[in-house]
Amino acid sequence: MIFTYYIVCKGAVYWHFSSKHELFVHVLEKVYDEQIRALPAQMEHVLASEDPVHTFMQWLETQFLCLTEADGRAKLLLHFLVSELDADVR
């Protein structure tokens, strides 16, 4: 996954999003959509391999390794999901 970072002022953010909550939900939706679009091709690769079980295990391991990345994105996501009061967001 490739992230592009932009530096913007706080006012510019709140021009488009009424709260941190709304901004974070927007980011989650974008990441979710990206993952959903990528999943069919990833699973086709798994099923087309000579050893689908082993290939799936490798794919799954890469997914879990994302949770251990030092940049804290996964921790931020988990914190948001755990502390979110809106059941639809959770």
PDB file of N, CA and C in Angstrom:
ATOM      1  N   MET A   1       0.838  -1.155   0.000  1.00  0.00           N
ATOM      2  CA  MET A   1       0.000   0.000   0.000  1.00  0.00           C
ATOM      3  C   MET A   1       0.899   1.239   0.000  1.00  0.00           C
ATOM      4  N   ILE A   2       0.564   2.192  -0.822  1.00  0.00           N
ATOM      5  CA  ILE A   2       1.350   3.412  -0.932  1.00  0.00           C
ATOM      6  C   ILE A   2       0.539   4.562  -0.356  1.00  0.00           C
ATOM      7  N   PHE A   3       1.157   5.296   0.550  1.00  0.00           N
ATOM      8  CA  PHE A   3       0.517   6.464   1.136  1.00  0.00           C
ATOM      9  C   PHE A   3       1.222   7.706   0.630  1.00  0.00           C
ATOM     10  N   THR A   4       0.454   8.707   0.298  1.00  0.00           N
ATOM     11  CA  THR A   4       0.999   9.995  -0.076  1.00  0.00           C
ATOM     12  C   THR A   4       0.679  10.960   1.054  1.00  0.00           C
ATOM     13  N   TYR A   5       1.678  11.633   1.526  1.00  0.00           N
ATOM     14  CA  TYR A   5       1.485  12.561   2.633  1.00  0.00           C
ATOM     15  C   TYR A   5       1.533  13.990   2.119  1.00  0.00           C
ATOM     16  N   TYR A   6       0.620  14.799   2.607  1.00  0.00           N
ATOM     17  CA  TYR A   6       0.576  16.204   2.249  1.00  0.00           C
ATOM     18  C   TYR A   6       0.641  17.011   3.538  1.00  0.00           C
ATOM     19  N   ILE A   7       1.241  18.157   3.461  1.00  0.00           N
ATOM     20  CA  ILE A   7       1.269  19.063   4.599  1.00  0.00           C
ATOM     21  C   ILE A   7       0.244  20.147   4.329  1.00  0.00           C
ATOM     22  N   VAL A   8      -0.748  20.226   5.213  1.00  0.00           N
ATOM     23  CA  VAL A   8      -1.804  21.224   5.076  1.00  0.00           C
ATOM     24  C   VAL A   8      -2.061  21.855   6.441  1.00  0.00           C
ATOM     25  N   CYS A   9      -2.643  23.019   6.425  1.00  0.00           N
ATOM     26  CA  CYS A   9      -2.945  23.683   7.686  1.00  0.00           C
ATOM     27  C   CYS A   9      -4.247  23.117   8.267  1.00  0.00           C
ATOM     28  N   LYS A  10      -4.424  23.283   9.539  1.00  0.00           N
ATOM     29  CA  LYS A  10      -5.593  22.773  10.253  1.00  0.00           C
ATOM     30  C   LYS A  10      -6.897  23.296   9.641  1.00  0.00           C
ATOM     31  N   GLY A  11      -6.917  24.557   9.259  1.00  0.00           N
ATOM     32  CA  GLY A  11      -8.114  25.138   8.664  1.00  0.00           C
ATOM     33  C   GLY A  11      -8.522  24.441   7.377  1.00  0.00           C
ATOM     34  N   ALA A  12      -7.542  24.058   6.567  1.00  0.00           N
ATOM     35  CA  ALA A  12      -7.839  23.367   5.311  1.00  0.00           C
ATOM     36  C   ALA A  12      -8.480  22.008   5.585  1.00  0.00           C
ATOM     37  N   VAL A  13      -8.016  21.333   6.627  1.00  0.00           N
ATOM     38  CA  VAL A  13      -8.592  20.034   6.979  1.00  0.00           C
ATOM     39  C   VAL A  13     -10.041  20.214   7.408  1.00  0.00           C
ATOM     40  N   TYR A  14     -10.287  21.168   8.302  1.00  0.00           N
ATOM     41  CA  TYR A  14     -11.644  21.366   8.803  1.00  0.00           C
ATOM     42  C   TYR A  14     -12.576  21.999   7.769  1.00  0.00           C
ATOM     43  N   TRP A  15     -12.040  22.516   6.686  1.00  0.00           N
ATOM     44  CA  TRP A  15     -12.874  22.990   5.577  1.00  0.00           C
ATOM     45  C   TRP A  15     -13.587  21.792   4.940  1.00  0.00           C
ATOM     46  N   HIS A  16     -12.875  20.666   4.867  1.00  0.00           N
ATOM     47  CA  HIS A  16     -13.412  19.467   4.227  1.00  0.00           C
ATOM     48  C   HIS A  16     -14.038  18.474   5.218  1.00  0.00           C
ATOM     49  N   PHE A  17     -13.593  18.497   6.458  1.00  0.00           N
ATOM     50  CA  PHE A  17     -14.070  17.547   7.463  1.00  0.00           C
ATOM     51  C   PHE A  17     -14.458  18.316   8.715  1.00  0.00           C
ATOM     52  N   SER A  18     -15.618  18.000   9.257  1.00  0.00           N
ATOM     53  CA  SER A  18     -16.108  18.750  10.414  1.00  0.00           C
ATOM     54  C   SER A  18     -15.446  18.341  11.722  1.00  0.00           C
ATOM     55  N   SER A  19     -14.753  17.183  11.711  1.00  0.00           N
ATOM     56  CA  SER A  19     -14.122  16.718  12.940  1.00  0.00           C
ATOM     57  C   SER A  19     -13.018  15.717  12.619  1.00  0.00           C
ATOM     58  N   LYS A  20     -12.225  15.395  13.631  1.00  0.00           N
ATOM     59  CA  LYS A  20     -11.207  14.356  13.460  1.00  0.00           C
ATOM     60  C   LYS A  20     -11.883  13.024  13.160  1.00  0.00           C
ATOM     61  N   HIS A  21     -13.003  12.807  13.805  1.00  0.00           N
ATOM     62  CA  HIS A  21     -13.776  11.587  13.591  1.00  0.00           C
ATOM     63  C   HIS A  21     -14.139  11.433  12.109  1.00  0.00           C
ATOM     64  N   GLU A  22     -14.689  12.465  11.526  1.00  0.00           N
ATOM     65  CA  GLU A  22     -15.088  12.420  10.118  1.00  0.00           C
ATOM     66  C   GLU A  22     -13.876  12.199   9.205  1.00  0.00           C
ATOM     67  N   LEU A  23     -12.776  12.857   9.505  1.00  0.00           N
ATOM     68  CA  LEU A  23     -11.543  12.671   8.736  1.00  0.00           C
ATOM     69  C   LEU A  23     -11.074  11.231   8.825  1.00  0.00           C
ATOM     70  N   PHE A  24     -11.054  10.685  10.028  1.00  0.00           N
ATOM     71  CA  PHE A  24     -10.559   9.327  10.204  1.00  0.00           C
ATOM     72  C   PHE A  24     -11.451   8.316   9.504  1.00  0.00           C
ATOM     73  N   VAL A  25     -12.761   8.497   9.585  1.00  0.00           N
ATOM     74  CA  VAL A  25     -13.688   7.597   8.893  1.00  0.00           C
ATOM     75  C   VAL A  25     -13.449   7.667   7.387  1.00  0.00           C
ATOM     76  N   HIS A  26     -13.203   8.851   6.869  1.00  0.00           N
ATOM     77  CA  HIS A  26     -12.924   9.012   5.438  1.00  0.00           C
ATOM     78  C   HIS A  26     -11.660   8.232   5.048  1.00  0.00           C
ATOM     79  N   VAL A  27     -10.621   8.356   5.853  1.00  0.00           N
ATOM     80  CA  VAL A  27      -9.370   7.633   5.579  1.00  0.00           C
ATOM     81  C   VAL A  27      -9.623   6.131   5.629  1.00  0.00           C
ATOM     82  N   LEU A  28     -10.349   5.662   6.641  1.00  0.00           N
ATOM     83  CA  LEU A  28     -10.659   4.234   6.743  1.00  0.00           C
ATOM     84  C   LEU A  28     -11.423   3.738   5.524  1.00  0.00           C
ATOM     85  N   GLU A  29     -12.386   4.519   5.064  1.00  0.00           N
ATOM     86  CA  GLU A  29     -13.157   4.122   3.888  1.00  0.00           C
ATOM     87  C   GLU A  29     -12.262   3.991   2.657  1.00  0.00           C
ATOM     88  N   LYS A  30     -11.344   4.922   2.500  1.00  0.00           N
ATOM     89  CA  LYS A  30     -10.422   4.874   1.350  1.00  0.00           C
ATOM     90  C   LYS A  30      -9.535   3.634   1.414  1.00  0.00           C
ATOM     91  N   VAL A  31      -8.975   3.356   2.584  1.00  0.00           N
ATOM     92  CA  VAL A  31      -8.101   2.186   2.748  1.00  0.00           C
ATOM     93  C   VAL A  31      -8.912   0.903   2.539  1.00  0.00           C
ATOM     94  N   TYR A  32     -10.115   0.860   3.105  1.00  0.00           N
ATOM     95  CA  TYR A  32     -10.986  -0.307   2.946  1.00  0.00           C
ATOM     96  C   TYR A  32     -11.305  -0.542   1.466  1.00  0.00           C
ATOM     97  N   ASP A  33     -11.691   0.504   0.756  1.00  0.00           N
ATOM     98  CA  ASP A  33     -11.994   0.376  -0.674  1.00  0.00           C
ATOM     99  C   ASP A  33     -10.790  -0.144  -1.453  1.00  0.00           C
ATOM    100  N   GLU A  34      -9.617   0.364  -1.122  1.00  0.00           N
ATOM    101  CA  GLU A  34      -8.390  -0.068  -1.788  1.00  0.00           C
ATOM    102  C   GLU A  34      -8.139  -1.553  -1.533  1.00  0.00           C
ATOM    103  N   GLN A  35      -8.328  -1.975  -0.305  1.00  0.00           N
ATOM    104  CA  GLN A  35      -8.122  -3.383   0.047  1.00  0.00           C
ATOM    105  C   GLN A  35      -9.131  -4.284  -0.663  1.00  0.00           C
ATOM    106  N   ILE A  36     -10.381  -3.855  -0.714  1.00  0.00           N
ATOM    107  CA  ILE A  36     -11.425  -4.650  -1.375  1.00  0.00           C
ATOM    108  C   ILE A  36     -11.128  -4.795  -2.868  1.00  0.00           C
ATOM    109  N   ARG A  37     -10.635  -3.735  -3.493  1.00  0.00           N
ATOM    110  CA  ARG A  37     -10.295  -3.807  -4.927  1.00  0.00           C
ATOM    111  C   ARG A  37      -9.117  -4.747  -5.165  1.00  0.00           C
ATOM    112  N   ALA A  38      -8.169  -4.800  -4.250  1.00  0.00           N
ATOM    113  CA  ALA A  38      -6.967  -5.612  -4.428  1.00  0.00           C
ATOM    114  C   ALA A  38      -7.195  -7.085  -4.101  1.00  0.00           C
ATOM    115  N   LEU A  39      -8.160  -7.389  -3.276  1.00  0.00           N
ATOM    116  CA  LEU A  39      -8.352  -8.744  -2.773  1.00  0.00           C
ATOM    117  C   LEU A  39      -8.608  -9.797  -3.861  1.00  0.00           C
ATOM    118  N   PRO A  40      -9.472  -9.568  -4.838  1.00  0.00           N
ATOM    119  CA  PRO A  40      -9.696 -10.608  -5.854  1.00  0.00           C
ATOM    120  C   PRO A  40      -8.416 -11.029  -6.582  1.00  0.00           C
ATOM    121  N   ALA A  41      -7.597 -10.082  -6.971  1.00  0.00           N
ATOM    122  CA  ALA A  41      -6.344 -10.426  -7.665  1.00  0.00           C
ATOM    123  C   ALA A  41      -5.397 -11.179  -6.737  1.00  0.00           C
ATOM    124  N   GLN A  42      -5.369 -10.779  -5.473  1.00  0.00           N
ATOM    125  CA  GLN A  42      -4.510 -11.470  -4.518  1.00  0.00           C
ATOM    126  C   GLN A  42      -4.961 -12.917  -4.331  1.00  0.00           C
ATOM    127  N   MET A  43      -6.265 -13.135  -4.247  1.00  0.00           N
ATOM    128  CA  MET A  43      -6.774 -14.499  -4.069  1.00  0.00           C
ATOM    129  C   MET A  43      -6.614 -15.330  -5.342  1.00  0.00           C
ATOM    130  N   GLU A  44      -6.726 -14.707  -6.500  1.00  0.00           N
ATOM    131  CA  GLU A  44      -6.461 -15.425  -7.751  1.00  0.00           C
ATOM    132  C   GLU A  44      -5.024 -15.915  -7.775  1.00  0.00           C
ATOM    133  N   HIS A  45      -4.106 -15.071  -7.325  1.00  0.00           N
ATOM    134  CA  HIS A  45      -2.697 -15.452  -7.242  1.00  0.00           C
ATOM    135  C   HIS A  45      -2.525 -16.644  -6.297  1.00  0.00           C
ATOM    136  N   VAL A  46      -3.191 -16.597  -5.155  1.00  0.00           N
ATOM    137  CA  VAL A  46      -3.102 -17.697  -4.185  1.00  0.00           C
ATOM    138  C   VAL A  46      -3.621 -18.989  -4.801  1.00  0.00           C
ATOM    139  N   LEU A  47      -4.799 -18.939  -5.414  1.00  0.00           N
ATOM    140  CA  LEU A  47      -5.414 -20.143  -5.962  1.00  0.00           C
ATOM    141  C   LEU A  47      -4.679 -20.694  -7.174  1.00  0.00           C
ATOM    142  N   ALA A  48      -3.988 -19.830  -7.903  1.00  0.00           N
ATOM    143  CA  ALA A  48      -3.256 -20.276  -9.096  1.00  0.00           C
ATOM    144  C   ALA A  48      -1.878 -20.835  -8.760  1.00  0.00           C
ATOM    145  N   SER A  49      -1.448 -20.693  -7.549  1.00  0.00           N
ATOM    146  CA  SER A  49      -0.106 -21.161  -7.183  1.00  0.00           C
ATOM    147  C   SER A  49      -0.077 -22.690  -7.085  1.00  0.00           C
ATOM    148  N   GLU A  50       1.126 -23.243  -7.109  1.00  0.00           N
ATOM    149  CA  GLU A  50       1.280 -24.695  -7.007  1.00  0.00           C
ATOM    150  C   GLU A  50       0.876 -25.216  -5.633  1.00  0.00           C
ATOM    151  N   ASP A  51       1.048 -24.390  -4.618  1.00  0.00           N
ATOM    152  CA  ASP A  51       0.693 -24.775  -3.248  1.00  0.00           C
ATOM    153  C   ASP A  51      -0.162 -23.661  -2.642  1.00  0.00           C
ATOM    154  N   PRO A  52      -1.472 -23.682  -2.927  1.00  0.00           N
ATOM    155  CA  PRO A  52      -2.343 -22.595  -2.467  1.00  0.00           C
ATOM    156  C   PRO A  52      -2.342 -22.401  -0.948  1.00  0.00           C
ATOM    157  N   VAL A  53      -2.250 -23.479  -0.197  1.00  0.00           N
ATOM    158  CA  VAL A  53      -2.262 -23.352   1.259  1.00  0.00           C
ATOM    159  C   VAL A  53      -1.025 -22.588   1.730  1.00  0.00           C
ATOM    160  N   HIS A  54       0.136 -22.963   1.214  1.00  0.00           N
ATOM    161  CA  HIS A  54       1.378 -22.279   1.591  1.00  0.00           C
ATOM    162  C   HIS A  54       1.349 -20.818   1.129  1.00  0.00           C
ATOM    163  N   THR A  55       0.887 -20.579  -0.082  1.00  0.00           N
ATOM    164  CA  THR A  55       0.817 -19.221  -0.610  1.00  0.00           C
ATOM    165  C   THR A  55      -0.155 -18.376   0.198  1.00  0.00           C
ATOM    166  N   PHE A  56      -1.275 -18.969   0.589  1.00  0.00           N
ATOM    167  CA  PHE A  56      -2.234 -18.248   1.427  1.00  0.00           C
ATOM    168  C   PHE A  56      -1.615 -17.905   2.777  1.00  0.00           C
ATOM    169  N   MET A  57      -0.889 -18.838   3.361  1.00  0.00           N
ATOM    170  CA  MET A  57      -0.245 -18.589   4.652  1.00  0.00           C
ATOM    171  C   MET A  57       0.767 -17.446   4.532  1.00  0.00           C
ATOM    172  N   GLN A  58       1.504 -17.407   3.432  1.00  0.00           N
ATOM    173  CA  GLN A  58       2.444 -16.306   3.201  1.00  0.00           C
ATOM    174  C   GLN A  58       1.694 -14.981   3.076  1.00  0.00           C
ATOM    175  N   TRP A  59       0.603 -14.997   2.330  1.00  0.00           N
ATOM    176  CA  TRP A  59      -0.198 -13.780   2.157  1.00  0.00           C
ATOM    177  C   TRP A  59      -0.725 -13.303   3.505  1.00  0.00           C
ATOM    178  N   LEU A  60      -1.244 -14.241   4.283  1.00  0.00           N
ATOM    179  CA  LEU A  60      -1.782 -13.908   5.595  1.00  0.00           C
ATOM    180  C   LEU A  60      -0.696 -13.335   6.509  1.00  0.00           C
ATOM    181  N   GLU A  61       0.487 -13.903   6.444  1.00  0.00           N
ATOM    182  CA  GLU A  61       1.599 -13.394   7.250  1.00  0.00           C
ATOM    183  C   GLU A  61       1.935 -11.951   6.880  1.00  0.00           C
ATOM    184  N   THR A  62       1.926 -11.623   5.604  1.00  0.00           N
ATOM    185  CA  THR A  62       2.214 -10.244   5.203  1.00  0.00           C
ATOM    186  C   THR A  62       1.137  -9.293   5.715  1.00  0.00           C
ATOM    187  N   GLN A  63      -0.112  -9.770   5.756  1.00  0.00           N
ATOM    188  CA  GLN A  63      -1.188  -8.941   6.280  1.00  0.00           C
ATOM    189  C   GLN A  63      -0.977  -8.642   7.764  1.00  0.00           C
ATOM    190  N   PHE A  64      -0.582  -9.659   8.517  1.00  0.00           N
ATOM    191  CA  PHE A  64      -0.345  -9.474   9.951  1.00  0.00           C
ATOM    192  C   PHE A  64       0.914  -8.658  10.221  1.00  0.00           C
ATOM    193  N   LEU A  65       1.908  -8.763   9.358  1.00  0.00           N
ATOM    194  CA  LEU A  65       3.132  -7.977   9.545  1.00  0.00           C
ATOM    195  C   LEU A  65       2.842  -6.481   9.459  1.00  0.00           C
ATOM    196  N   CYS A  66       1.832  -6.115   8.703  1.00  0.00           N
ATOM    197  CA  CYS A  66       1.445  -4.705   8.624  1.00  0.00           C
ATOM    198  C   CYS A  66       1.065  -4.161   9.997  1.00  0.00           C
ATOM    199  N   LEU A  67       0.559  -5.037  10.859  1.00  0.00           N
ATOM    200  CA  LEU A  67       0.159  -4.608  12.203  1.00  0.00           C
ATOM    201  C   LEU A  67       1.355  -4.276  13.088  1.00  0.00           C
ATOM    202  N   THR A  68       2.527  -4.770  12.714  1.00  0.00           N
ATOM    203  CA  THR A  68       3.704  -4.548  13.551  1.00  0.00           C
ATOM    204  C   THR A  68       4.599  -3.425  13.035  1.00  0.00           C
ATOM    205  N   GLU A  69       4.192  -2.779  11.951  1.00  0.00           N
ATOM    206  CA  GLU A  69       5.010  -1.700  11.407  1.00  0.00           C
ATOM    207  C   GLU A  69       5.188  -0.597  12.433  1.00  0.00           C
ATOM    208  N   ALA A  70       6.358  -0.033  12.459  1.00  0.00           N
ATOM    209  CA  ALA A  70       6.739   0.935  13.495  1.00  0.00           C
ATOM    210  C   ALA A  70       6.065   2.300  13.346  1.00  0.00           C
ATOM    211  N   ASP A  71       5.429   2.560  12.217  1.00  0.00           N
ATOM    212  CA  ASP A  71       4.874   3.900  12.020  1.00  0.00           C
ATOM    213  C   ASP A  71       3.585   4.155  12.808  1.00  0.00           C
ATOM    214  N   GLY A  72       3.003   3.132  13.397  1.00  0.00           N
ATOM    215  CA  GLY A  72       1.865   3.327  14.280  1.00  0.00           C
ATOM    216  C   GLY A  72       0.502   3.377  13.622  1.00  0.00           C
ATOM    217  N   ARG A  73       0.412   3.209  12.306  1.00  0.00           N
ATOM    218  CA  ARG A  73      -0.897   3.275  11.642  1.00  0.00           C
ATOM    219  C   ARG A  73      -1.857   2.222  12.170  1.00  0.00           C
ATOM    220  N   ALA A  74      -1.377   0.999  12.337  1.00  0.00           N
ATOM    221  CA  ALA A  74      -2.251  -0.072  12.812  1.00  0.00           C
ATOM    222  C   ALA A  74      -2.724   0.201  14.234  1.00  0.00           C
ATOM    223  N   LYS A  75      -1.843   0.708  15.069  1.00  0.00           N
ATOM    224  CA  LYS A  75      -2.234   1.028  16.448  1.00  0.00           C
ATOM    225  C   LYS A  75      -3.284   2.130  16.464  1.00  0.00           C
ATOM    226  N   LEU A  76      -3.131   3.098  15.591  1.00  0.00           N
ATOM    227  CA  LEU A  76      -4.119   4.174  15.503  1.00  0.00           C
ATOM    228  C   LEU A  76      -5.467   3.618  15.077  1.00  0.00           C
ATOM    229  N   LEU A  77      -5.464   2.741  14.095  1.00  0.00           N
ATOM    230  CA  LEU A  77      -6.699   2.114  13.635  1.00  0.00           C
ATOM    231  C   LEU A  77      -7.357   1.331  14.765  1.00  0.00           C
ATOM    232  N   LEU A  78      -6.589   0.501  15.440  1.00  0.00           N
ATOM    233  CA  LEU A  78      -7.155  -0.308  16.521  1.00  0.00           C
ATOM    234  C   LEU A  78      -7.686   0.566  17.650  1.00  0.00           C
ATOM    235  N   HIS A  79      -6.956   1.616  17.992  1.00  0.00           N
ATOM    236  CA  HIS A  79      -7.420   2.535  19.037  1.00  0.00           C
ATOM    237  C   HIS A  79      -8.751   3.165  18.639  1.00  0.00           C
ATOM    238  N   PHE A  80      -8.844   3.605  17.403  1.00  0.00           N
ATOM    239  CA  PHE A  80     -10.074   4.237  16.917  1.00  0.00           C
ATOM    240  C   PHE A  80     -11.237   3.256  16.977  1.00  0.00           C
ATOM    241  N   LEU A  81     -11.012   2.027  16.522  1.00  0.00           N
ATOM    242  CA  LEU A  81     -12.090   1.050  16.492  1.00  0.00           C
ATOM    243  C   LEU A  81     -12.551   0.656  17.896  1.00  0.00           C
ATOM    244  N   VAL A  82     -11.614   0.537  18.810  1.00  0.00           N
ATOM    245  CA  VAL A  82     -11.958   0.139  20.172  1.00  0.00           C
ATOM    246  C   VAL A  82     -12.681   1.264  20.902  1.00  0.00           C
ATOM    247  N   SER A  83     -12.240   2.493  20.692  1.00  0.00           N
ATOM    248  CA  SER A  83     -12.813   3.607  21.448  1.00  0.00           C
ATOM    249  C   SER A  83     -14.024   4.240  20.762  1.00  0.00           C
ATOM    250  N   GLU A  84     -14.316   3.843  19.546  1.00  0.00           N
ATOM    251  CA  GLU A  84     -15.415   4.438  18.783  1.00  0.00           C
ATOM    252  C   GLU A  84     -16.761   4.092  19.401  1.00  0.00           C
ATOM    253  N   LEU A  85     -17.584   5.089  19.627  1.00  0.00           N
ATOM    254  CA  LEU A  85     -18.900   4.880  20.214  1.00  0.00           C
ATOM    255  C   LEU A  85     -19.953   4.535  19.166  1.00  0.00           C
ATOM    256  N   ASP A  86     -19.745   4.962  17.945  1.00  0.00           N
ATOM    257  CA  ASP A  86     -20.701   4.712  16.871  1.00  0.00           C
ATOM    258  C   ASP A  86     -20.580   3.257  16.418  1.00  0.00           C
ATOM    259  N   ALA A  87     -21.634   2.465  16.626  1.00  0.00           N
ATOM    260  CA  ALA A  87     -21.608   1.038  16.298  1.00  0.00           C
ATOM    261  C   ALA A  87     -21.401   0.808  14.808  1.00  0.00           C
ATOM    262  N   ASP A  88     -21.919   1.698  13.949  1.00  0.00           N
ATOM    263  CA  ASP A  88     -21.738   1.536  12.508  1.00  0.00           C
ATOM    264  C   ASP A  88     -20.274   1.641  12.121  1.00  0.00           C
ATOM    265  N   VAL A  89     -19.541   2.502  12.790  1.00  0.00           N
ATOM    266  CA  VAL A  89     -18.120   2.662  12.502  1.00  0.00           C
ATOM    267  C   VAL A  89     -17.352   1.439  12.989  1.00  0.00           C
ATOM    268  N   ARG A  90     -17.675   0.977  14.215  1.00  0.00           N
ATOM    269  CA  ARG A  90     -17.020  -0.221  14.737  1.00  0.00           C
ATOM    270  C   ARG A  90     -17.288  -1.406  13.828  1.00  0.00           C
TER     271      ARG A  90
END
